[in-house]
């Protein structure tokens, strides 16, 4: 009874005023939601809470293809930073590592929390297929935007490897040092040349595709004619060159900077005709058994210390803004004619390379 005169005094009926009040109430509720949403978001992304939950989980599993010795040193530094989190690691070449993760995911066996590798198409398909957690690492703000693959907050480029030619300085005269990819197929290296087999790593598939682009012919047949020795990883190649078991080799430069820093009698050449890059990506598994510990490890690898350790121990150029260059190898920006190897490897090309090299060497 007392409200009716108020409505009429403003020239509005009671029904009209009810409509106005309803709209005001809806607007007020919407405003409350706007204010509450950032709060809810910040609560869901409370980094101290994630770290606390990670300590309760107490362990983290990293799948990787880093230099083995360097990876262990890296793990020791992480353990110092987070002593309550037990870190375990599984190392494989990039291709079998991706295969293993994919098989485990498909069968519901979720063992890995974080994966670092050089990708092929299966990684990008996996991003669409539910392999990866969607989250924003606190350290992401310190990286170029391109590091976040397709801006999806799932897959992050934290390091880069380059293909090159390694040689033993005590066994190879300066005048004989290979300067170009074509030099690797010279008969004078017969029985004294090494490489990783293309079926082991997408990085090697990329450089083989680049050899095709340069018009170097059937490089599988040429390597067979030269009695190439295959190794299971760049670490094996490095040690073989240092010992003199082989004098020259094609290599992904993962272990080279560390070896040069230690005084190894080796040299490294990046041909002027160009080379391929392998962008090392990292993700936290969507079905990680220790999801908070996985995020803590991944974010730590993106910190200034983590990136410096990754570069120092794993020997790879990192991607964080302001990171120092490698101590004994040129920067990626200074190398001529570089290309992401994946750009040369559509799935059909990848299969063709692997099948051809397996057939050439009689490996099923």
Protein backbone atom coordinates (compact mmCIF):
# COMPACT_ATOMS: atom_id res chain seq x y z
CA UNK A 1 0.00 0.00 0.00
CA UNK A 2 2.79 2.40 0.84
CA UNK A 3 4.71 1.64 -2.37
CA UNK A 4 1.96 2.45 -4.80
CA UNK A 5 2.18 6.22 -4.39
CA UNK A 6 5.95 6.10 -4.92
CA UNK A 7 5.53 4.34 -8.29
CA UNK A 8 2.88 6.79 -9.36
CA UNK A 9 4.82 9.80 -8.16
CA UNK A 10 7.48 8.94 -10.73
CA UNK A 11 4.95 8.52 -13.46
CA UNK A 12 5.24 4.71 -13.58
CA UNK A 13 2.77 2.01 -12.79
CA UNK A 14 3.55 -0.71 -10.25
CA UNK A 15 3.99 -3.21 -13.08
CA UNK A 16 6.46 -0.96 -14.87
CA UNK A 17 8.45 -0.46 -11.70
CA UNK A 18 8.60 -4.23 -11.19
CA UNK A 19 10.17 -4.61 -14.64
CA UNK A 20 12.71 -1.91 -13.84
CA UNK A 21 13.61 -3.53 -10.53
CA UNK A 22 13.95 -6.97 -12.14
CA UNK A 23 16.37 -5.57 -14.70
CA UNK A 24 18.38 -3.86 -11.98
CA UNK A 25 18.57 -7.10 -10.04
CA UNK A 26 19.83 -8.99 -13.09
CA UNK A 27 22.43 -6.30 -13.74
CA UNK A 28 23.56 -6.49 -10.13
CA UNK A 29 23.91 -10.26 -10.32
CA UNK A 30 25.91 -9.98 -13.55
CA UNK A 31 28.21 -7.46 -11.95
CA UNK A 32 28.76 -9.77 -9.02
CA UNK A 33 29.69 -12.58 -11.39
CA UNK A 34 32.18 -10.33 -13.18
CA UNK A 35 33.79 -9.44 -9.88
CA UNK A 36 33.73 -13.05 -8.66
CA UNK A 37 35.09 -14.67 -11.83
CA UNK A 38 38.68 -13.35 -11.58
CA UNK A 39 38.67 -14.34 -7.93
CA UNK A 40 37.52 -17.85 -8.77
CA UNK A 41 40.06 -18.00 -11.59
CA UNK A 42 42.88 -16.87 -9.31
CA UNK A 43 41.84 -19.43 -6.73
CA UNK A 44 41.88 -22.20 -9.34
CA UNK A 45 45.32 -21.03 -10.45
CA UNK A 46 46.81 -20.30 -7.04
CA UNK A 47 50.46 -21.20 -7.58
CA UNK A 48 51.38 -21.64 -3.90
CA UNK A 49 48.44 -24.04 -3.60
CA UNK A 50 49.66 -25.98 -6.64
CA UNK A 51 53.16 -26.19 -5.14
CA UNK A 52 51.70 -27.41 -1.84
CA UNK A 53 49.65 -30.05 -3.64
CA UNK A 54 52.76 -31.08 -5.59
CA UNK A 55 54.66 -31.65 -2.35
CA UNK A 56 51.83 -33.86 -1.12
CA UNK A 57 51.97 -35.86 -4.35
CA UNK A 58 55.66 -36.27 -3.62
CA UNK A 59 56.87 -37.47 -7.02
CA UNK A 60 57.00 -36.62 -10.69
CA UNK A 61 57.82 -38.65 -13.80
CA UNK A 62 59.58 -36.99 -16.74
CA UNK A 63 59.67 -38.62 -20.18
CA UNK A 64 62.49 -37.04 -22.18
CA UNK A 65 65.15 -37.35 -24.87
CA UNK A 66 67.77 -35.10 -23.27
CA UNK A 67 71.47 -35.89 -22.99
CA UNK A 68 71.50 -38.63 -20.27
CA UNK A 69 74.31 -37.20 -18.14
CA UNK A 70 72.96 -33.70 -18.45
CA UNK A 71 69.44 -34.82 -17.60
CA UNK A 72 70.62 -36.32 -14.32
CA UNK A 73 72.40 -33.08 -13.38
CA UNK A 74 69.27 -31.18 -14.29
CA UNK A 75 67.20 -33.50 -12.11
CA UNK A 76 69.57 -32.94 -9.18
CA UNK A 77 69.01 -29.18 -9.42
CA UNK A 78 65.25 -29.68 -9.45
CA UNK A 79 65.51 -31.89 -6.37
CA UNK A 80 67.40 -29.10 -4.60
CA UNK A 81 64.64 -26.64 -5.47
CA UNK A 82 61.85 -29.06 -4.49
CA UNK A 83 63.32 -31.66 -2.10
CA UNK A 84 59.85 -32.98 -1.21
CA UNK A 85 59.24 -34.10 -4.81
CA UNK A 86 60.97 -37.28 -5.94
CA UNK A 87 61.86 -36.97 -9.61
CA UNK A 88 62.08 -40.02 -11.89
CA UNK A 89 62.95 -40.09 -15.58
CA UNK A 90 62.52 -42.28 -18.64
CA UNK A 91 64.66 -41.54 -21.69
CA UNK A 92 64.12 -42.70 -25.28
CA UNK A 93 64.72 -41.32 -28.75
CA UNK A 94 62.02 -38.92 -29.87
CA UNK A 95 60.15 -41.34 -32.15
CA UNK A 96 59.95 -44.27 -29.69
CA UNK A 97 59.22 -41.86 -26.84
CA UNK A 98 56.19 -40.45 -28.65
CA UNK A 99 55.13 -43.98 -29.59
CA UNK A 100 55.36 -45.09 -25.96
CA UNK A 101 53.36 -42.17 -24.61
CA UNK A 102 50.69 -42.60 -27.29
CA UNK A 103 50.38 -46.33 -26.61
CA UNK A 104 50.12 -45.78 -22.87
CA UNK A 105 47.52 -43.05 -23.33
CA UNK A 106 45.40 -45.22 -25.62
CA UNK A 107 45.51 -48.15 -23.18
CA UNK A 108 44.70 -46.02 -20.13
CA UNK A 109 48.14 -46.49 -18.55
CA UNK A 110 49.02 -42.97 -17.47
CA UNK A 111 52.59 -42.99 -16.16
CA UNK A 112 54.19 -39.75 -17.39
CA UNK A 113 53.56 -36.36 -15.80
CA UNK A 114 55.73 -34.26 -18.14
CA UNK A 115 57.13 -35.00 -21.60
CA UNK A 116 59.96 -33.19 -23.41
CA UNK A 117 60.85 -34.25 -26.93
CA UNK A 118 61.27 -33.25 -30.53
CA UNK A 119 57.80 -33.72 -32.00
CA UNK A 120 56.37 -35.24 -35.09
CA UNK A 121 52.77 -35.08 -36.29
CA UNK A 122 51.67 -37.46 -33.54
CA UNK A 123 52.40 -34.80 -30.91
CA UNK A 124 50.23 -32.24 -32.67
CA UNK A 125 47.50 -34.81 -33.18
CA UNK A 126 47.82 -35.66 -29.49
CA UNK A 127 47.28 -32.03 -28.58
CA UNK A 128 43.87 -32.29 -30.24
CA UNK A 129 43.27 -35.78 -28.87
CA UNK A 130 43.47 -35.03 -25.17
CA UNK A 131 47.11 -35.78 -24.38
CA UNK A 132 47.91 -32.42 -22.82
CA UNK A 133 46.73 -30.37 -19.85
CA UNK A 134 45.56 -26.84 -20.62
CA UNK A 135 47.15 -24.40 -18.17
CA UNK A 136 49.24 -21.24 -18.03
CA UNK A 137 52.70 -21.60 -16.47
CA UNK A 138 53.50 -18.55 -14.33
CA UNK A 139 56.83 -18.23 -16.18
CA UNK A 140 55.22 -18.14 -19.64
CA UNK A 141 55.18 -14.34 -19.54
CA UNK A 142 58.98 -14.39 -19.90
CA UNK A 143 58.92 -16.14 -23.29
CA UNK A 144 58.11 -15.01 -26.86
CA UNK A 145 54.49 -15.61 -27.81
CA UNK A 146 55.50 -18.18 -30.44
CA UNK A 147 56.75 -20.52 -27.70
CA UNK A 148 53.10 -21.37 -26.90
CA UNK A 149 52.20 -23.61 -29.85
CA UNK A 150 49.07 -22.27 -31.57
CA UNK A 151 48.42 -20.20 -28.41
CA UNK A 152 46.62 -23.14 -26.83
CA UNK A 153 48.42 -23.10 -23.44
CA UNK A 154 49.27 -26.78 -23.77
CA UNK A 155 52.50 -27.27 -25.74
CA UNK A 156 55.58 -25.10 -25.09
CA UNK A 157 58.81 -24.80 -27.10
CA UNK A 158 61.53 -24.57 -24.44
CA UNK A 159 64.68 -25.47 -26.43
CA UNK A 160 66.13 -25.87 -29.93
CA UNK A 161 68.60 -28.35 -31.42
CA UNK A 162 70.44 -28.03 -34.72
CA UNK A 163 71.88 -30.63 -37.11
CA UNK A 164 75.55 -30.47 -37.98
CA UNK A 165 78.78 -32.33 -38.73
CA UNK A 166 81.07 -33.39 -35.89
CA UNK A 167 84.65 -34.54 -36.37
CA UNK A 168 87.68 -35.67 -34.38
CA UNK A 169 90.38 -32.99 -34.54
CA UNK A 170 93.12 -35.55 -33.88
CA UNK A 171 92.03 -37.82 -36.72
CA UNK A 172 90.89 -35.35 -39.36
CA UNK A 173 93.35 -32.93 -40.96
CA UNK A 174 92.14 -29.30 -41.18
CA UNK A 175 92.12 -29.49 -44.97
CA UNK A 176 89.86 -32.58 -44.86
CA UNK A 177 87.23 -31.23 -42.45
CA UNK A 178 83.81 -31.65 -44.10
CA UNK A 179 82.27 -28.26 -44.78
CA UNK A 180 79.13 -29.32 -46.62
CA UNK A 181 76.64 -32.16 -46.36
CA UNK A 182 77.83 -33.57 -49.69
CA UNK A 183 81.29 -34.04 -48.15
CA UNK A 184 79.91 -36.75 -45.84
CA UNK A 185 79.41 -39.06 -48.81
CA UNK A 186 83.06 -38.88 -49.94
CA UNK A 187 84.50 -42.44 -50.16
CA UNK A 188 87.46 -41.35 -48.00
CA UNK A 189 85.18 -41.65 -44.96
CA UNK A 190 84.26 -45.25 -45.74
CA UNK A 191 84.00 -47.16 -42.47
CA UNK A 192 84.81 -44.00 -40.50
CA UNK A 193 81.47 -42.19 -40.58
CA UNK A 194 78.56 -42.34 -38.16
CA UNK A 195 75.00 -41.11 -37.66
CA UNK A 196 71.73 -41.92 -35.95
CA UNK A 197 69.38 -44.01 -38.11
CA UNK A 198 66.38 -42.06 -39.44
CA UNK A 199 63.91 -44.52 -37.93
CA UNK A 200 65.12 -43.53 -34.46
CA UNK A 201 64.46 -39.79 -34.46
CA UNK A 202 62.39 -37.19 -36.24
CA UNK A 203 65.42 -34.88 -36.08
CA UNK A 204 67.34 -37.23 -38.40
CA UNK A 205 64.35 -37.62 -40.67
CA UNK A 206 64.34 -33.83 -40.99
CA UNK A 207 67.95 -33.59 -42.11
CA UNK A 208 67.46 -36.46 -44.58
CA UNK A 209 64.51 -34.53 -46.02
CA UNK A 210 66.79 -31.49 -46.26
CA UNK A 211 69.40 -33.56 -48.11
CA UNK A 212 66.63 -34.47 -50.55
CA UNK A 213 65.79 -30.79 -50.91
CA UNK A 214 69.43 -30.03 -51.71
CA UNK A 215 69.36 -32.67 -54.46
CA UNK A 216 72.00 -34.95 -52.93
CA UNK A 217 70.46 -38.10 -54.40
CA UNK A 218 69.89 -41.39 -52.65
CA UNK A 219 71.66 -40.59 -49.39
CA UNK A 220 70.65 -43.92 -47.85
CA UNK A 221 72.49 -45.81 -50.60
CA UNK A 222 75.47 -43.45 -50.34
CA UNK A 223 75.72 -43.98 -46.58
CA UNK A 224 75.48 -47.73 -47.06
CA UNK A 225 78.29 -47.59 -49.63
CA UNK A 226 80.37 -45.70 -47.06
CA UNK A 227 79.74 -48.39 -44.42
CA UNK A 228 78.10 -45.90 -42.09
CA UNK A 229 77.92 -46.89 -38.44
CA UNK A 230 74.58 -46.33 -36.74
CA UNK A 231 74.30 -45.25 -33.11
CA UNK A 232 71.39 -45.04 -30.71
CA UNK A 233 71.57 -41.39 -29.76
CA UNK A 234 73.79 -38.35 -30.09
CA UNK A 235 75.63 -39.27 -26.90
CA UNK A 236 76.80 -42.51 -28.53
CA UNK A 237 77.93 -40.65 -31.63
CA UNK A 238 79.85 -38.12 -29.55
CA UNK A 239 81.75 -40.79 -27.62
CA UNK A 240 82.54 -42.72 -30.80
CA UNK A 241 84.01 -39.58 -32.41
CA UNK A 242 86.03 -38.73 -29.29
CA UNK A 243 87.45 -42.28 -29.16
CA UNK A 244 88.18 -42.22 -32.87
CA UNK A 245 85.91 -45.18 -33.63
CA UNK A 246 84.50 -42.92 -36.35
CA UNK A 247 86.20 -39.77 -37.57
CA UNK A 248 83.20 -37.76 -38.76
CA UNK A 249 79.46 -37.96 -38.18
CA UNK A 250 76.13 -36.29 -38.70
CA UNK A 251 74.82 -35.29 -35.28
CA UNK A 252 72.01 -33.49 -33.52
CA UNK A 253 74.00 -31.05 -31.39
CA UNK A 254 72.43 -31.99 -28.03
CA UNK A 255 75.69 -33.09 -26.32
CA UNK A 256 78.24 -31.05 -28.27
CA UNK A 257 78.40 -27.81 -26.27
CA UNK A 258 78.96 -29.67 -22.99
CA UNK A 259 81.71 -31.79 -24.58
CA UNK A 260 83.45 -28.73 -26.01
CA UNK A 261 83.27 -27.03 -22.61
CA UNK A 262 84.96 -30.11 -21.12
CA UNK A 263 87.80 -29.87 -23.65
CA UNK A 264 86.89 -32.76 -25.95
CA UNK A 265 89.08 -32.90 -29.12
CA UNK A 266 86.18 -32.34 -31.48
CA UNK A 267 85.04 -29.75 -33.97
CA UNK A 268 81.54 -28.84 -35.15
CA UNK A 269 80.46 -27.56 -38.56
CA UNK A 270 77.09 -26.16 -39.59
CA UNK A 271 77.14 -26.20 -43.42
CA UNK A 272 76.56 -22.90 -45.18
CA UNK A 273 74.02 -24.58 -47.43
CA UNK A 274 71.78 -24.69 -44.37
CA UNK A 275 70.54 -27.05 -41.73
CA UNK A 276 67.40 -28.14 -39.95
CA UNK A 277 66.22 -27.19 -36.49
CA UNK A 278 64.40 -29.37 -34.02
CA UNK A 279 62.11 -27.42 -31.72
CA UNK A 280 62.01 -29.17 -28.36
CA UNK A 281 58.49 -29.09 -26.91
CA UNK A 282 57.24 -29.77 -23.40
CA UNK A 283 53.78 -30.55 -22.05
CA UNK A 284 52.10 -31.69 -18.86
CA UNK A 285 49.98 -34.78 -19.44
CA UNK A 286 46.23 -34.31 -19.13
CA UNK A 287 45.99 -37.67 -17.34
CA UNK A 288 49.15 -37.15 -15.29
CA UNK A 289 49.22 -39.25 -12.10
CA UNK A 290 50.87 -36.29 -10.36
CA UNK A 291 49.39 -33.27 -12.15
CA UNK A 292 50.50 -30.61 -9.68
CA UNK A 293 54.06 -31.95 -9.48
CA UNK A 294 54.05 -32.04 -13.28
CA UNK A 295 53.15 -28.36 -13.44
CA UNK A 296 55.79 -27.48 -10.86
CA UNK A 297 58.50 -29.30 -12.84
CA UNK A 298 57.40 -27.79 -16.16
CA UNK A 299 57.26 -24.29 -14.72
CA UNK A 300 60.66 -24.73 -13.03
CA UNK A 301 62.19 -25.66 -16.39
CA UNK A 302 60.89 -22.33 -17.69
CA UNK A 303 62.40 -20.24 -14.86
CA UNK A 304 65.64 -18.37 -15.43
CA UNK A 305 67.55 -20.97 -13.40
CA UNK A 306 65.79 -23.88 -15.05
CA UNK A 307 66.51 -22.57 -18.52
CA UNK A 308 70.15 -21.87 -17.66
CA UNK A 309 70.53 -25.39 -16.26
CA UNK A 310 68.76 -26.86 -19.29
CA UNK A 311 71.18 -25.05 -21.57
CA UNK A 312 74.28 -25.79 -19.49
CA UNK A 313 73.59 -29.46 -18.75
CA UNK A 314 71.56 -30.51 -21.79
CA UNK A 315 73.58 -28.35 -24.17
CA UNK A 316 70.66 -26.93 -26.13
CA UNK A 317 69.80 -23.34 -26.96
CA UNK A 318 66.79 -22.30 -24.87
CA UNK A 319 63.96 -19.95 -25.73
CA UNK A 320 63.46 -17.74 -22.66
CA UNK A 321 63.87 -14.02 -23.33
CA UNK A 322 67.31 -12.77 -22.33
CA UNK A 323 68.86 -16.23 -22.00
CA UNK A 324 72.63 -16.21 -22.64
CA UNK A 325 73.99 -17.95 -25.76
CA UNK A 326 75.64 -21.35 -25.66
CA UNK A 327 79.23 -21.07 -24.48
CA UNK A 328 80.93 -22.96 -27.33
CA UNK A 329 78.45 -23.06 -30.21
CA UNK A 330 76.97 -20.31 -32.41
CA UNK A 331 73.51 -18.93 -31.81
CA UNK A 332 70.72 -20.25 -33.97
CA UNK A 333 70.13 -16.75 -35.34
CA UNK A 334 73.70 -16.63 -36.68
CA UNK A 335 73.37 -19.85 -38.70
CA UNK A 336 72.56 -19.45 -42.40
CA UNK A 337 69.48 -20.99 -44.01
CA UNK A 338 67.89 -22.70 -41.03
CA UNK A 339 64.50 -24.36 -41.29
CA UNK A 340 62.29 -26.24 -38.86
CA UNK A 341 62.74 -29.86 -39.92
CA UNK A 342 59.05 -30.56 -39.39
CA UNK A 343 58.21 -28.24 -42.27
CA UNK A 344 59.86 -30.81 -44.55
CA UNK A 345 58.13 -33.80 -42.97
CA UNK A 346 54.47 -34.29 -43.79
CA UNK A 347 53.48 -37.77 -42.57
CA UNK A 348 53.83 -39.33 -46.03
CA UNK A 349 57.40 -38.00 -46.39
CA UNK A 350 58.30 -39.18 -42.92
CA UNK A 351 57.08 -42.68 -43.69
CA UNK A 352 58.83 -42.71 -47.06
CA UNK A 353 62.19 -41.81 -45.49
CA UNK A 354 61.93 -44.41 -42.73
CA UNK A 355 60.75 -47.16 -45.09
CA UNK A 356 63.44 -46.42 -47.66
CA UNK A 357 66.31 -46.39 -45.16
CA UNK A 358 65.07 -49.55 -43.47
CA UNK A 359 64.82 -51.30 -46.83
CA UNK A 360 68.24 -50.07 -47.95
CA UNK A 361 69.88 -51.42 -44.80
CA UNK A 362 67.76 -54.57 -44.62
CA UNK A 363 66.14 -53.67 -41.31
CA UNK A 364 62.52 -54.60 -40.73
